[in-house]
Amino acid sequence: MIYFGSFFAGIINGLFASGAGQILVFILIFILKEDTYKSRKLSVFAIGITSILTLLRYIKTIDTNIKNMLIVGIIGILFGTVGTKLMKKINKNILNICSGVLIVVLSIIKLIRS
């Protein structure tokens, strides 16, 4: 079942270029009943690998600004590490509520803009 969830999240990420991590977390926590913190760690790892592979694909096919990519990558790694450390200090129920609110708000914004 975890493989199907990962496959589904990857397809959603490929189609819409966002939200796969949240979908994977939802599947792991609410459908497969996995631990909240483990689910989020797995999601970050899976999306990280996917992002790296996508980056390598784009570098070969699209004219890219390597300097900007490095700056954004370093900032992302730095604050991703900070976020991971902060996540451990937040109650898992609050973490799930914050994720749900974030998804709803981003979905509404996306609907309004399209």
PDB file of N, CA and C in Angstrom:
ATOM      1  N   MET A   1       0.826  -1.199   0.000  1.00  0.00           N
ATOM      2  CA  MET A   1       0.000   0.000   0.000  1.00  0.00           C
ATOM      3  C   MET A   1       0.872   1.265   0.000  1.00  0.00           C
ATOM      4  N   ILE A   2       1.997   1.229   0.721  1.00  0.00           N
ATOM      5  CA  ILE A   2       2.874   2.407   0.779  1.00  0.00           C
ATOM      6  C   ILE A   2       3.446   2.710  -0.609  1.00  0.00           C
ATOM      7  N   TYR A   3       3.687   1.687  -1.397  1.00  0.00           N
ATOM      8  CA  TYR A   3       4.211   1.891  -2.746  1.00  0.00           C
ATOM      9  C   TYR A   3       3.154   2.544  -3.631  1.00  0.00           C
ATOM     10  N   PHE A   4       1.905   2.118  -3.473  1.00  0.00           N
ATOM     11  CA  PHE A   4       0.823   2.721  -4.238  1.00  0.00           C
ATOM     12  C   PHE A   4       0.675   4.199  -3.859  1.00  0.00           C
ATOM     13  N   GLY A   5       0.756   4.496  -2.558  1.00  0.00           N
ATOM     14  CA  GLY A   5       0.661   5.889  -2.104  1.00  0.00           C
ATOM     15  C   GLY A   5       1.777   6.738  -2.676  1.00  0.00           C
ATOM     16  N   SER A   6       2.971   6.203  -2.697  1.00  0.00           N
ATOM     17  CA  SER A   6       4.114   6.929  -3.254  1.00  0.00           C
ATOM     18  C   SER A   6       3.941   7.133  -4.758  1.00  0.00           C
ATOM     19  N   PHE A   7       3.461   6.110  -5.431  1.00  0.00           N
ATOM     20  CA  PHE A   7       3.206   6.201  -6.871  1.00  0.00           C
ATOM     21  C   PHE A   7       2.174   7.290  -7.153  1.00  0.00           C
ATOM     22  N   PHE A   8       1.073   7.291  -6.382  1.00  0.00           N
ATOM     23  CA  PHE A   8       0.013   8.274  -6.542  1.00  0.00           C
ATOM     24  C   PHE A   8       0.541   9.684  -6.294  1.00  0.00           C
ATOM     25  N   ALA A   9       1.324   9.866  -5.234  1.00  0.00           N
ATOM     26  CA  ALA A   9       1.888  11.184  -4.917  1.00  0.00           C
ATOM     27  C   ALA A   9       2.829  11.645  -6.028  1.00  0.00           C
ATOM     28  N   GLY A  10       3.613  10.735  -6.572  1.00  0.00           N
ATOM     29  CA  GLY A  10       4.522  11.085  -7.665  1.00  0.00           C
ATOM     30  C   GLY A  10       3.774  11.516  -8.916  1.00  0.00           C
ATOM     31  N   ILE A  11       2.682  10.829  -9.222  1.00  0.00           N
ATOM     32  CA  ILE A  11       1.868  11.200 -10.387  1.00  0.00           C
ATOM     33  C   ILE A  11       1.276  12.594 -10.186  1.00  0.00           C
ATOM     34  N   ILE A  12       0.736  12.861  -8.996  1.00  0.00           N
ATOM     35  CA  ILE A  12       0.152  14.175  -8.708  1.00  0.00           C
ATOM     36  C   ILE A  12       1.225  15.254  -8.821  1.00  0.00           C
ATOM     37  N   ASN A  13       2.407  14.990  -8.287  1.00  0.00           N
ATOM     38  CA  ASN A  13       3.494  15.967  -8.366  1.00  0.00           C
ATOM     39  C   ASN A  13       3.883  16.210  -9.817  1.00  0.00           C
ATOM     40  N   GLY A  14       3.947  15.150 -10.604  1.00  0.00           N
ATOM     41  CA  GLY A  14       4.304  15.300 -12.007  1.00  0.00           C
ATOM     42  C   GLY A  14       3.265  16.084 -12.795  1.00  0.00           C
ATOM     43  N   LEU A  15       1.993  15.894 -12.468  1.00  0.00           N
ATOM     44  CA  LEU A  15       0.932  16.586 -13.185  1.00  0.00           C
ATOM     45  C   LEU A  15       0.796  18.048 -12.778  1.00  0.00           C
ATOM     46  N   PHE A  16       0.881  18.301 -11.489  1.00  0.00           N
ATOM     47  CA  PHE A  16       0.582  19.642 -10.989  1.00  0.00           C
ATOM     48  C   PHE A  16       1.798  20.382 -10.436  1.00  0.00           C
ATOM     49  N   ALA A  17       2.927  19.715 -10.297  1.00  0.00           N
ATOM     50  CA  ALA A  17       4.174  20.317  -9.814  1.00  0.00           C
ATOM     51  C   ALA A  17       4.045  20.895  -8.412  1.00  0.00           C
ATOM     52  N   SER A  18       3.145  20.361  -7.626  1.00  0.00           N
ATOM     53  CA  SER A  18       3.045  20.789  -6.227  1.00  0.00           C
ATOM     54  C   SER A  18       2.119  19.856  -5.472  1.00  0.00           C
ATOM     55  N   GLY A  19       2.286  19.824  -4.179  1.00  0.00           N
ATOM     56  CA  GLY A  19       1.342  19.119  -3.336  1.00  0.00           C
ATOM     57  C   GLY A  19       1.600  17.650  -3.103  1.00  0.00           C
ATOM     58  N   ALA A  20       2.566  17.061  -3.786  1.00  0.00           N
ATOM     59  CA  ALA A  20       2.778  15.626  -3.637  1.00  0.00           C
ATOM     60  C   ALA A  20       3.222  15.258  -2.231  1.00  0.00           C
ATOM     61  N   GLY A  21       4.027  16.090  -1.627  1.00  0.00           N
ATOM     62  CA  GLY A  21       4.478  15.812  -0.260  1.00  0.00           C
ATOM     63  C   GLY A  21       3.319  15.786   0.707  1.00  0.00           C
ATOM     64  N   GLN A  22       2.403  16.732   0.580  1.00  0.00           N
ATOM     65  CA  GLN A  22       1.236  16.765   1.451  1.00  0.00           C
ATOM     66  C   GLN A  22       0.320  15.578   1.194  1.00  0.00           C
ATOM     67  N   ILE A  23       0.175  15.188  -0.067  1.00  0.00           N
ATOM     68  CA  ILE A  23      -0.661  14.031  -0.383  1.00  0.00           C
ATOM     69  C   ILE A  23      -0.047  12.768   0.207  1.00  0.00           C
ATOM     70  N   LEU A  24       1.266  12.625   0.079  1.00  0.00           N
ATOM     71  CA  LEU A  24       1.949  11.463   0.636  1.00  0.00           C
ATOM     72  C   LEU A  24       1.785  11.425   2.153  1.00  0.00           C
ATOM     73  N   VAL A  25       1.937  12.570   2.806  1.00  0.00           N
ATOM     74  CA  VAL A  25       1.766  12.633   4.261  1.00  0.00           C
ATOM     75  C   VAL A  25       0.342  12.243   4.642  1.00  0.00           C
ATOM     76  N   PHE A  26      -0.643  12.760   3.907  1.00  0.00           N
ATOM     77  CA  PHE A  26      -2.039  12.419   4.181  1.00  0.00           C
ATOM     78  C   PHE A  26      -2.264  10.914   4.075  1.00  0.00           C
ATOM     79  N   ILE A  27      -1.762  10.313   3.004  1.00  0.00           N
ATOM     80  CA  ILE A  27      -1.930   8.872   2.799  1.00  0.00           C
ATOM     81  C   ILE A  27      -1.274   8.093   3.933  1.00  0.00           C
ATOM     82  N   LEU A  28      -0.057   8.474   4.284  1.00  0.00           N
ATOM     83  CA  LEU A  28       0.672   7.749   5.326  1.00  0.00           C
ATOM     84  C   LEU A  28       0.010   7.879   6.696  1.00  0.00           C
ATOM     85  N   ILE A  29      -0.434   9.089   7.048  1.00  0.00           N
ATOM     86  CA  ILE A  29      -0.982   9.311   8.391  1.00  0.00           C
ATOM     87  C   ILE A  29      -2.417   8.808   8.514  1.00  0.00           C
ATOM     88  N   PHE A  30      -3.282   9.208   7.601  1.00  0.00           N
ATOM     89  CA  PHE A  30      -4.707   8.955   7.778  1.00  0.00           C
ATOM     90  C   PHE A  30      -5.203   7.649   7.154  1.00  0.00           C
ATOM     91  N   ILE A  31      -4.538   7.167   6.127  1.00  0.00           N
ATOM     92  CA  ILE A  31      -4.979   5.919   5.508  1.00  0.00           C
ATOM     93  C   ILE A  31      -4.167   4.736   6.029  1.00  0.00           C
ATOM     94  N   LEU A  32      -2.833   4.899   6.067  1.00  0.00           N
ATOM     95  CA  LEU A  32      -1.980   3.789   6.518  1.00  0.00           C
ATOM     96  C   LEU A  32      -1.673   3.825   8.020  1.00  0.00           C
ATOM     97  N   LYS A  33      -2.110   4.890   8.702  1.00  0.00           N
ATOM     98  CA  LYS A  33      -1.963   5.029  10.163  1.00  0.00           C
ATOM     99  C   LYS A  33      -0.505   4.981  10.630  1.00  0.00           C
ATOM    100  N   GLU A  34       0.389   5.585   9.846  1.00  0.00           N
ATOM    101  CA  GLU A  34       1.800   5.685  10.220  1.00  0.00           C
ATOM    102  C   GLU A  34       1.990   6.866  11.180  1.00  0.00           C
ATOM    103  N   ASP A  35       3.116   6.893  11.868  1.00  0.00           N
ATOM    104  CA  ASP A  35       3.456   7.978  12.782  1.00  0.00           C
ATOM    105  C   ASP A  35       3.614   9.292  12.010  1.00  0.00           C
ATOM    106  N   THR A  36       3.111  10.375  12.581  1.00  0.00           N
ATOM    107  CA  THR A  36       3.142  11.684  11.919  1.00  0.00           C
ATOM    108  C   THR A  36       4.554  12.111  11.563  1.00  0.00           C
ATOM    109  N   TYR A  37       5.468  12.015  12.512  1.00  0.00           N
ATOM    110  CA  TYR A  37       6.828  12.504  12.284  1.00  0.00           C
ATOM    111  C   TYR A  37       7.563  11.634  11.259  1.00  0.00           C
ATOM    112  N   LYS A  38       7.391  10.330  11.340  1.00  0.00           N
ATOM    113  CA  LYS A  38       8.015   9.436  10.359  1.00  0.00           C
ATOM    114  C   LYS A  38       7.461   9.708   8.963  1.00  0.00           C
ATOM    115  N   SER A  39       6.162   9.946   8.880  1.00  0.00           N
ATOM    116  CA  SER A  39       5.531  10.216   7.588  1.00  0.00           C
ATOM    117  C   SER A  39       6.086  11.474   6.952  1.00  0.00           C
ATOM    118  N   ARG A  40       6.261  12.503   7.749  1.00  0.00           N
ATOM    119  CA  ARG A  40       6.789  13.765   7.220  1.00  0.00           C
ATOM    120  C   ARG A  40       8.245  13.605   6.789  1.00  0.00           C
ATOM    121  N   LYS A  41       9.017  12.849   7.556  1.00  0.00           N
ATOM    122  CA  LYS A  41      10.417  12.605   7.175  1.00  0.00           C
ATOM    123  C   LYS A  41      10.495  11.843   5.859  1.00  0.00           C
ATOM    124  N   LEU A  42       9.660  10.834   5.713  1.00  0.00           N
ATOM    125  CA  LEU A  42       9.647  10.058   4.476  1.00  0.00           C
ATOM    126  C   LEU A  42       9.235  10.926   3.294  1.00  0.00           C
ATOM    127  N   SER A  43       8.255  11.785   3.527  1.00  0.00           N
ATOM    128  CA  SER A  43       7.789  12.679   2.463  1.00  0.00           C
ATOM    129  C   SER A  43       8.892  13.622   2.014  1.00  0.00           C
ATOM    130  N   VAL A  44       9.584  14.223   2.965  1.00  0.00           N
ATOM    131  CA  VAL A  44      10.683  15.142   2.623  1.00  0.00           C
ATOM    132  C   VAL A  44      11.768  14.401   1.849  1.00  0.00           C
ATOM    133  N   PHE A  45      12.092  13.199   2.275  1.00  0.00           N
ATOM    134  CA  PHE A  45      13.114  12.409   1.587  1.00  0.00           C
ATOM    135  C   PHE A  45      12.679  12.093   0.147  1.00  0.00           C
ATOM    136  N   ALA A  46      11.448  11.609  -0.006  1.00  0.00           N
ATOM    137  CA  ALA A  46      10.955  11.224  -1.333  1.00  0.00           C
ATOM    138  C   ALA A  46      10.883  12.424  -2.269  1.00  0.00           C
ATOM    139  N   ILE A  47      10.382  13.539  -1.783  1.00  0.00           N
ATOM    140  CA  ILE A  47      10.271  14.733  -2.620  1.00  0.00           C
ATOM    141  C   ILE A  47      11.664  15.297  -2.922  1.00  0.00           C
ATOM    142  N   GLY A  48      12.579  15.165  -1.970  1.00  0.00           N
ATOM    143  CA  GLY A  48      13.955  15.613  -2.211  1.00  0.00           C
ATOM    144  C   GLY A  48      14.604  14.859  -3.351  1.00  0.00           C
ATOM    145  N   ILE A  49      14.458  13.549  -3.346  1.00  0.00           N
ATOM    146  CA  ILE A  49      15.012  12.726  -4.429  1.00  0.00           C
ATOM    147  C   ILE A  49      14.360  13.100  -5.766  1.00  0.00           C
ATOM    148  N   THR A  50      13.035  13.234  -5.747  1.00  0.00           N
ATOM    149  CA  THR A  50      12.319  13.605  -6.966  1.00  0.00           C
ATOM    150  C   THR A  50      12.781  14.960  -7.485  1.00  0.00           C
ATOM    151  N   SER A  51      12.972  15.899  -6.577  1.00  0.00           N
ATOM    152  CA  SER A  51      13.414  17.243  -6.969  1.00  0.00           C
ATOM    153  C   SER A  51      14.799  17.212  -7.598  1.00  0.00           C
ATOM    154  N   ILE A  52      15.692  16.429  -7.037  1.00  0.00           N
ATOM    155  CA  ILE A  52      17.047  16.327  -7.584  1.00  0.00           C
ATOM    156  C   ILE A  52      17.012  15.729  -8.997  1.00  0.00           C
ATOM    157  N   LEU A  53      16.234  14.670  -9.174  1.00  0.00           N
ATOM    158  CA  LEU A  53      16.132  14.051 -10.501  1.00  0.00           C
ATOM    159  C   LEU A  53      15.499  15.005 -11.513  1.00  0.00           C
ATOM    160  N   THR A  54      14.490  15.742 -11.076  1.00  0.00           N
ATOM    161  CA  THR A  54      13.855  16.721 -11.958  1.00  0.00           C
ATOM    162  C   THR A  54      14.824  17.824 -12.327  1.00  0.00           C
ATOM    163  N   LEU A  55      15.599  18.291 -11.359  1.00  0.00           N
ATOM    164  CA  LEU A  55      16.598  19.322 -11.607  1.00  0.00           C
ATOM    165  C   LEU A  55      17.597  18.859 -12.667  1.00  0.00           C
ATOM    166  N   LEU A  56      18.071  17.632 -12.538  1.00  0.00           N
ATOM    167  CA  LEU A  56      19.025  17.111 -13.523  1.00  0.00           C
ATOM    168  C   LEU A  56      18.403  17.054 -14.912  1.00  0.00           C
ATOM    169  N   ARG A  57      17.140  16.728 -14.980  1.00  0.00           N
ATOM    170  CA  ARG A  57      16.444  16.686 -16.272  1.00  0.00           C
ATOM    171  C   ARG A  57      16.316  18.084 -16.868  1.00  0.00           C
ATOM    172  N   TYR A  58      15.943  19.058 -16.041  1.00  0.00           N
ATOM    173  CA  TYR A  58      15.783  20.423 -16.532  1.00  0.00           C
ATOM    174  C   TYR A  58      17.116  21.039 -16.965  1.00  0.00           C
ATOM    175  N   ILE A  59      18.182  20.751 -16.253  1.00  0.00           N
ATOM    176  CA  ILE A  59      19.486  21.302 -16.614  1.00  0.00           C
ATOM    177  C   ILE A  59      19.871  20.870 -18.022  1.00  0.00           C
ATOM    178  N   LYS A  60      19.536  19.638 -18.385  1.00  0.00           N
ATOM    179  CA  LYS A  60      19.890  19.124 -19.704  1.00  0.00           C
ATOM    180  C   LYS A  60      18.991  19.657 -20.812  1.00  0.00           C
ATOM    181  N   THR A  61      17.766  20.055 -20.502  1.00  0.00           N
ATOM    182  CA  THR A  61      16.823  20.398 -21.558  1.00  0.00           C
ATOM    183  C   THR A  61      16.438  21.870 -21.628  1.00  0.00           C
ATOM    184  N   ILE A  62      16.661  22.634 -20.571  1.00  0.00           N
ATOM    185  CA  ILE A  62      16.222  24.027 -20.538  1.00  0.00           C
ATOM    186  C   ILE A  62      17.412  24.905 -20.166  1.00  0.00           C
ATOM    187  N   ASP A  63      17.521  26.059 -20.811  1.00  0.00           N
ATOM    188  CA  ASP A  63      18.577  27.017 -20.469  1.00  0.00           C
ATOM    189  C   ASP A  63      18.326  27.516 -19.044  1.00  0.00           C
ATOM    190  N   THR A  64      19.250  27.229 -18.140  1.00  0.00           N
ATOM    191  CA  THR A  64      19.057  27.569 -16.729  1.00  0.00           C
ATOM    192  C   THR A  64      20.175  28.466 -16.221  1.00  0.00           C
ATOM    193  N   ASN A  65      19.868  29.214 -15.187  1.00  0.00           N
ATOM    194  CA  ASN A  65      20.840  30.059 -14.524  1.00  0.00           C
ATOM    195  C   ASN A  65      21.362  29.294 -13.306  1.00  0.00           C
ATOM    196  N   ILE A  66      22.540  28.708 -13.443  1.00  0.00           N
ATOM    197  CA  ILE A  66      23.110  27.852 -12.399  1.00  0.00           C
ATOM    198  C   ILE A  66      23.304  28.628 -11.093  1.00  0.00           C
ATOM    199  N   LYS A  67      23.723  29.883 -11.183  1.00  0.00           N
ATOM    200  CA  LYS A  67      23.948  30.683  -9.973  1.00  0.00           C
ATOM    201  C   LYS A  67      22.659  30.800  -9.157  1.00  0.00           C
ATOM    202  N   ASN A  68      21.557  31.150  -9.814  1.00  0.00           N
ATOM    203  CA  ASN A  68      20.274  31.258  -9.107  1.00  0.00           C
ATOM    204  C   ASN A  68      19.837  29.915  -8.529  1.00  0.00           C
ATOM    205  N   MET A  69      20.071  28.845  -9.286  1.00  0.00           N
ATOM    206  CA  MET A  69      19.696  27.517  -8.797  1.00  0.00           C
ATOM    207  C   MET A  69      20.483  27.152  -7.541  1.00  0.00           C
ATOM    208  N   LEU A  70      21.761  27.474  -7.525  1.00  0.00           N
ATOM    209  CA  LEU A  70      22.574  27.177  -6.341  1.00  0.00           C
ATOM    210  C   LEU A  70      22.122  27.987  -5.129  1.00  0.00           C
ATOM    211  N   ILE A  71      21.839  29.273  -5.340  1.00  0.00           N
ATOM    212  CA  ILE A  71      21.387  30.121  -4.232  1.00  0.00           C
ATOM    213  C   ILE A  71      20.071  29.606  -3.659  1.00  0.00           C
ATOM    214  N   VAL A  72      19.110  29.330  -4.530  1.00  0.00           N
ATOM    215  CA  VAL A  72      17.816  28.815  -4.079  1.00  0.00           C
ATOM    216  C   VAL A  72      17.983  27.457  -3.395  1.00  0.00           C
ATOM    217  N   GLY A  73      18.831  26.602  -3.957  1.00  0.00           N
ATOM    218  CA  GLY A  73      19.077  25.288  -3.365  1.00  0.00           C
ATOM    219  C   GLY A  73      19.684  25.375  -1.982  1.00  0.00           C
ATOM    220  N   ILE A  74      20.682  26.241  -1.813  1.00  0.00           N
ATOM    221  CA  ILE A  74      21.325  26.395  -0.506  1.00  0.00           C
ATOM    222  C   ILE A  74      20.340  26.939   0.525  1.00  0.00           C
ATOM    223  N   ILE A  75      19.560  27.946   0.135  1.00  0.00           N
ATOM    224  CA  ILE A  75      18.556  28.499   1.046  1.00  0.00           C
ATOM    225  C   ILE A  75      17.527  27.434   1.410  1.00  0.00           C
ATOM    226  N   GLY A  76      17.089  26.652   0.413  1.00  0.00           N
ATOM    227  CA  GLY A  76      16.121  25.585   0.668  1.00  0.00           C
ATOM    228  C   GLY A  76      16.652  24.541   1.633  1.00  0.00           C
ATOM    229  N   ILE A  77      17.903  24.130   1.448  1.00  0.00           N
ATOM    230  CA  ILE A  77      18.517  23.141   2.347  1.00  0.00           C
ATOM    231  C   ILE A  77      18.652  23.706   3.753  1.00  0.00           C
ATOM    232  N   LEU A  78      19.106  24.945   3.853  1.00  0.00           N
ATOM    233  CA  LEU A  78      19.297  25.586   5.157  1.00  0.00           C
ATOM    234  C   LEU A  78      17.981  25.662   5.939  1.00  0.00           C
ATOM    235  N   PHE A  79      16.958  26.229   5.312  1.00  0.00           N
ATOM    236  CA  PHE A  79      15.694  26.401   6.020  1.00  0.00           C
ATOM    237  C   PHE A  79      14.909  25.097   6.125  1.00  0.00           C
ATOM    238  N   GLY A  80      15.153  24.157   5.228  1.00  0.00           N
ATOM    239  CA  GLY A  80      14.563  22.829   5.368  1.00  0.00           C
ATOM    240  C   GLY A  80      15.091  22.130   6.609  1.00  0.00           C
ATOM    241  N   THR A  81      16.384  22.302   6.874  1.00  0.00           N
ATOM    242  CA  THR A  81      16.987  21.735   8.075  1.00  0.00           C
ATOM    243  C   THR A  81      16.413  22.392   9.335  1.00  0.00           C
ATOM    244  N   VAL A  82      16.274  23.714   9.309  1.00  0.00           N
ATOM    245  CA  VAL A  82      15.686  24.430  10.445  1.00  0.00           C
ATOM    246  C   VAL A  82      14.248  23.964  10.666  1.00  0.00           C
ATOM    247  N   GLY A  83      13.475  23.854   9.582  1.00  0.00           N
ATOM    248  CA  GLY A  83      12.089  23.411   9.680  1.00  0.00           C
ATOM    249  C   GLY A  83      11.972  22.008  10.256  1.00  0.00           C
ATOM    250  N   THR A  84      12.881  21.125   9.876  1.00  0.00           N
ATOM    251  CA  THR A  84      12.865  19.761  10.398  1.00  0.00           C
ATOM    252  C   THR A  84      13.116  19.743  11.898  1.00  0.00           C
ATOM    253  N   LYS A  85      14.039  20.569  12.344  1.00  0.00           N
ATOM    254  CA  LYS A  85      14.317  20.642  13.789  1.00  0.00           C
ATOM    255  C   LYS A  85      13.127  21.225  14.550  1.00  0.00           C
ATOM    256  N   LEU A  86      12.464  22.223  13.965  1.00  0.00           N
ATOM    257  CA  LEU A  86      11.292  22.821  14.612  1.00  0.00           C
ATOM    258  C   LEU A  86      10.111  21.854  14.636  1.00  0.00           C
ATOM    259  N   MET A  87       9.987  21.033  13.596  1.00  0.00           N
ATOM    260  CA  MET A  87       8.870  20.090  13.508  1.00  0.00           C
ATOM    261  C   MET A  87       8.827  19.167  14.716  1.00  0.00           C
ATOM    262  N   LYS A  88       9.986  18.760  15.214  1.00  0.00           N
ATOM    263  CA  LYS A  88      10.049  17.846  16.352  1.00  0.00           C
ATOM    264  C   LYS A  88       9.466  18.466  17.621  1.00  0.00           C
ATOM    265  N   LYS A  89       9.409  19.795  17.685  1.00  0.00           N
ATOM    266  CA  LYS A  89       8.933  20.477  18.885  1.00  0.00           C
ATOM    267  C   LYS A  89       7.438  20.788  18.850  1.00  0.00           C
ATOM    268  N   ILE A  90       6.793  20.543  17.702  1.00  0.00           N
ATOM    269  CA  ILE A  90       5.379  20.859  17.544  1.00  0.00           C
ATOM    270  C   ILE A  90       4.559  19.587  17.738  1.00  0.00           C
ATOM    271  N   ASN A  91       3.481  19.690  18.499  1.00  0.00           N
ATOM    272  CA  ASN A  91       2.573  18.569  18.716  1.00  0.00           C
ATOM    273  C   ASN A  91       2.044  18.076  17.373  1.00  0.00           C
ATOM    274  N   LYS A  92       1.961  16.749  17.209  1.00  0.00           N
ATOM    275  CA  LYS A  92       1.578  16.201  15.907  1.00  0.00           C
ATOM    276  C   LYS A  92       0.166  16.601  15.485  1.00  0.00           C
ATOM    277  N   ASN A  93      -0.754  16.788  16.413  1.00  0.00           N
ATOM    278  CA  ASN A  93      -2.107  17.226  16.038  1.00  0.00           C
ATOM    279  C   ASN A  93      -2.092  18.644  15.478  1.00  0.00           C
ATOM    280  N   ILE A  94      -1.316  19.517  16.105  1.00  0.00           N
ATOM    281  CA  ILE A  94      -1.189  20.893  15.610  1.00  0.00           C
ATOM    282  C   ILE A  94      -0.514  20.901  14.247  1.00  0.00           C
ATOM    283  N   LEU A  95       0.481  20.048  14.084  1.00  0.00           N
ATOM    284  CA  LEU A  95       1.183  19.929  12.807  1.00  0.00           C
ATOM    285  C   LEU A  95       0.223  19.501  11.692  1.00  0.00           C
ATOM    286  N   ASN A  96      -0.634  18.541  11.980  1.00  0.00           N
ATOM    287  CA  ASN A  96      -1.610  18.080  10.986  1.00  0.00           C
ATOM    288  C   ASN A  96      -2.635  19.169  10.662  1.00  0.00           C
ATOM    289  N   ILE A  97      -3.079  19.908  11.672  1.00  0.00           N
ATOM    290  CA  ILE A  97      -4.038  21.000  11.437  1.00  0.00           C
ATOM    291  C   ILE A  97      -3.394  22.081  10.573  1.00  0.00           C
ATOM    292  N   CYS A  98      -2.148  22.453  10.898  1.00  0.00           N
ATOM    293  CA  CYS A  98      -1.444  23.475  10.107  1.00  0.00           C
ATOM    294  C   CYS A  98      -1.298  23.029   8.652  1.00  0.00           C
ATOM    295  N   SER A  99      -0.974  21.761   8.439  1.00  0.00           N
ATOM    296  CA  SER A  99      -0.846  21.242   7.072  1.00  0.00           C
ATOM    297  C   SER A  99      -2.175  21.317   6.338  1.00  0.00           C
ATOM    298  N   GLY A 100      -3.251  20.932   7.013  1.00  0.00           N
ATOM    299  CA  GLY A 100      -4.572  20.984   6.396  1.00  0.00           C
ATOM    300  C   GLY A 100      -4.980  22.394   6.023  1.00  0.00           C
ATOM    301  N   VAL A 101      -4.749  23.339   6.938  1.00  0.00           N
ATOM    302  CA  VAL A 101      -5.079  24.744   6.667  1.00  0.00           C
ATOM    303  C   VAL A 101      -4.257  25.254   5.492  1.00  0.00           C
ATOM    304  N   LEU A 102      -2.983  24.920   5.461  1.00  0.00           N
ATOM    305  CA  LEU A 102      -2.110  25.345   4.370  1.00  0.00           C
ATOM    306  C   LEU A 102      -2.609  24.822   3.023  1.00  0.00           C
ATOM    307  N   ILE A 103      -2.988  23.558   2.975  1.00  0.00           N
ATOM    308  CA  ILE A 103      -3.488  22.984   1.722  1.00  0.00           C
ATOM    309  C   ILE A 103      -4.763  23.691   1.276  1.00  0.00           C
ATOM    310  N   VAL A 104      -5.681  23.938   2.214  1.00  0.00           N
ATOM    311  CA  VAL A 104      -6.944  24.601   1.868  1.00  0.00           C
ATOM    312  C   VAL A 104      -6.679  26.011   1.336  1.00  0.00           C
ATOM    313  N   VAL A 105      -5.835  26.777   2.031  1.00  0.00           N
ATOM    314  CA  VAL A 105      -5.536  28.148   1.615  1.00  0.00           C
ATOM    315  C   VAL A 105      -4.877  28.162   0.238  1.00  0.00           C
ATOM    316  N   LEU A 106      -3.883  27.298   0.035  1.00  0.00           N
ATOM    317  CA  LEU A 106      -3.201  27.256  -1.258  1.00  0.00           C
ATOM    318  C   LEU A 106      -4.140  26.803  -2.374  1.00  0.00           C
ATOM    319  N   SER A 107      -5.048  25.892  -2.068  1.00  0.00           N
ATOM    320  CA  SER A 107      -6.018  25.445  -3.067  1.00  0.00           C
ATOM    321  C   SER A 107      -6.963  26.580  -3.463  1.00  0.00           C
ATOM    322  N   ILE A 108      -7.414  27.342  -2.477  1.00  0.00           N
ATOM    323  CA  ILE A 108      -8.297  28.469  -2.760  1.00  0.00           C
ATOM    324  C   ILE A 108      -7.573  29.508  -3.617  1.00  0.00           C
ATOM    325  N   ILE A 109      -6.337  29.808  -3.267  1.00  0.00           N
ATOM    326  CA  ILE A 109      -5.552  30.773  -4.051  1.00  0.00           C
ATOM    327  C   ILE A 109      -5.389  30.271  -5.484  1.00  0.00           C
ATOM    328  N   LYS A 110      -5.084  29.003  -5.644  1.00  0.00           N
ATOM    329  CA  LYS A 110      -4.902  28.431  -6.977  1.00  0.00           C
ATOM    330  C   LYS A 110      -6.191  28.474  -7.784  1.00  0.00           C
ATOM    331  N   LEU A 111      -7.326  28.216  -7.132  1.00  0.00           N
ATOM    332  CA  LEU A 111      -8.617  28.286  -7.820  1.00  0.00           C
ATOM    333  C   LEU A 111      -8.946  29.719  -8.253  1.00  0.00           C
ATOM    334  N   ILE A 112      -8.662  30.682  -7.399  1.00  0.00           N
ATOM    335  CA  ILE A 112      -8.950  32.079  -7.704  1.00  0.00           C
ATOM    336  C   ILE A 112      -8.088  32.552  -8.879  1.00  0.00           C
ATOM    337  N   ARG A 113      -6.839  32.147  -8.913  1.00  0.00           N
ATOM    338  CA  ARG A 113      -5.924  32.604  -9.971  1.00  0.00           C
ATOM    339  C   ARG A 113      -6.151  31.919 -11.304  1.00  0.00           C
ATOM    340  N   SER A 114      -6.843  30.791 -11.303  1.00  0.00           N
ATOM    341  CA  SER A 114      -7.008  30.082 -12.589  1.00  0.00           C
ATOM    342  C   SER A 114      -8.313  30.399 -13.273  1.00  0.00           C
TER     343      SER A 114
END
